[in-house]
Protein backbone atom coordinates (compact mmCIF):
# COMPACT_ATOMS: atom_id res chain seq x y z
CA MET A 1 14.91 -13.28 -2.63
CA LYS A 2 16.83 -10.49 -4.10
CA CYS A 3 16.29 -6.75 -3.67
CA ALA A 4 14.16 -5.50 -6.77
CA THR A 5 16.07 -2.43 -7.66
CA CYS A 6 19.99 -3.73 -6.82
CA GLN A 7 19.86 -7.62 -6.36
CA ASN A 8 21.44 -7.28 -3.16
CA GLU A 9 19.80 -9.87 -0.18
CA ALA A 10 15.95 -8.89 0.24
CA THR A 11 15.08 -7.93 3.78
CA VAL A 12 11.90 -6.67 3.14
CA HIS A 13 8.63 -8.22 0.87
CA ILE A 14 5.97 -5.17 -0.22
CA GLU A 15 3.39 -7.60 -0.07
CA ALA A 16 1.16 -5.30 -1.98
CA VAL A 17 3.05 -4.53 -5.32
CA GLY A 18 4.91 -7.99 -4.55
CA ILE A 19 8.19 -6.89 -4.89
CA TYR A 20 11.60 -7.39 -2.46
CA LEU A 21 13.38 -4.81 -1.31
CA CYS A 22 17.00 -5.06 0.55
CA ALA A 23 17.15 -1.98 3.93
CA SER A 24 19.69 0.31 1.56
CA CYS A 25 16.48 0.50 -1.39
CA LEU A 26 13.71 1.13 1.23
CA ALA A 27 15.87 3.86 2.93
CA LYS A 28 15.96 5.19 -0.35
CA VAL A 29 12.57 5.15 -1.40
CA ASP A 30 10.96 5.99 2.70
CA ALA A 31 10.00 9.48 1.25
CA ARG A 32 7.83 7.78 -1.52
CA ILE A 33 6.35 4.84 1.06
CA ALA A 34 5.51 8.69 3.41
CA GLN A 35 3.77 9.64 0.69
CA LEU A 36 2.00 6.55 0.07
CA LYS A 37 0.56 6.32 3.73
CA THR A 38 -1.86 8.89 2.73
CA ALA A 39 -5.01 7.26 0.61
CA TRP A 40 -5.43 9.51 -1.93
CA PRO A 41 -9.28 10.37 -3.15
CA CYS A 42 -11.42 7.30 -4.70
CA PRO A 43 -10.41 6.79 -8.24
CA PHE A 44 -13.54 6.35 -9.03
CA CYS A 45 -15.95 9.51 -7.54
CA GLY A 46 -13.13 11.45 -6.17
CA GLY A 47 -14.20 11.09 -2.26
CA ARG A 48 -12.45 10.66 0.59
CA ALA A 49 -11.06 7.66 1.44
CA LEU A 50 -9.52 5.88 5.17
CA ASP A 51 -7.84 2.46 5.76
CA GLU A 52 -9.20 0.52 8.13
CA GLN A 53 -8.49 -2.26 10.38
CA LEU A 54 -11.07 -5.30 10.34
CA ASN A 55 -12.24 -7.69 13.13
CA ASP A 56 -9.55 -10.50 11.97
CA GLY A 57 -7.15 -7.96 12.06
CA LEU A 58 -6.42 -7.55 8.32
CA TRP A 59 -7.06 -4.06 6.63
CA GLN A 60 -8.45 -2.27 3.86
CA VAL A 61 -9.27 1.12 2.43
CA VAL A 62 -12.73 2.35 1.80
CA CYS A 63 -14.35 4.94 -0.07
CA LEU A 64 -16.51 7.28 2.32
CA GLU A 65 -19.28 8.29 -0.55
CA CYS A 66 -19.23 5.27 -2.65
CA GLY A 67 -17.91 2.80 -0.78
CA THR A 68 -15.42 1.42 -3.22
CA SER A 69 -12.88 -1.02 -1.18
CA THR A 70 -9.76 -2.49 -1.74
CA ALA A 71 -8.97 -6.76 -1.47
CA THR A 72 -7.77 -6.90 2.38
CA GLN A 73 -4.39 -7.06 3.52
CA SER A 74 -2.02 -7.74 6.13
CA SER A 75 -1.18 -4.16 7.24
CA ALA A 76 -2.06 -0.74 6.45
CA LEU A 77 0.47 0.24 4.48
CA ALA A 78 0.03 -3.13 1.85
CA ALA A 79 -3.51 -1.40 1.78
CA LEU A 80 -2.54 2.16 0.95
CA MET A 81 -0.10 1.30 -1.43
CA LEU A 82 -2.92 -1.06 -3.72
CA TRP A 83 -5.38 1.51 -2.68
CA ASN A 84 -3.22 4.64 -4.09
CA ARG A 85 -1.97 2.50 -7.50
CA ARG A 86 -5.73 2.12 -8.69
CA THR A 87 -7.42 3.18 -11.53
CA PRO A 88 -11.20 3.20 -12.49
């Protein structure tokens, strides 16, 4: 697969957003990924949300106030990225 940014050979697949990145481009967005490691407030109620690992090893983000959650993902980062791009 090709990197979504520079078209070089991709080394990483970001499942939550369906893109592939090469190591160089992934390094360039490292600061953004660090920011995404924190769940933003719930887009529906503004409540605090946390990522959690389920018994089957999958991850999701759940609002502690209203219970809204993401679909399960293969990693905590993928679940957080999915949560952080949601809109009500």
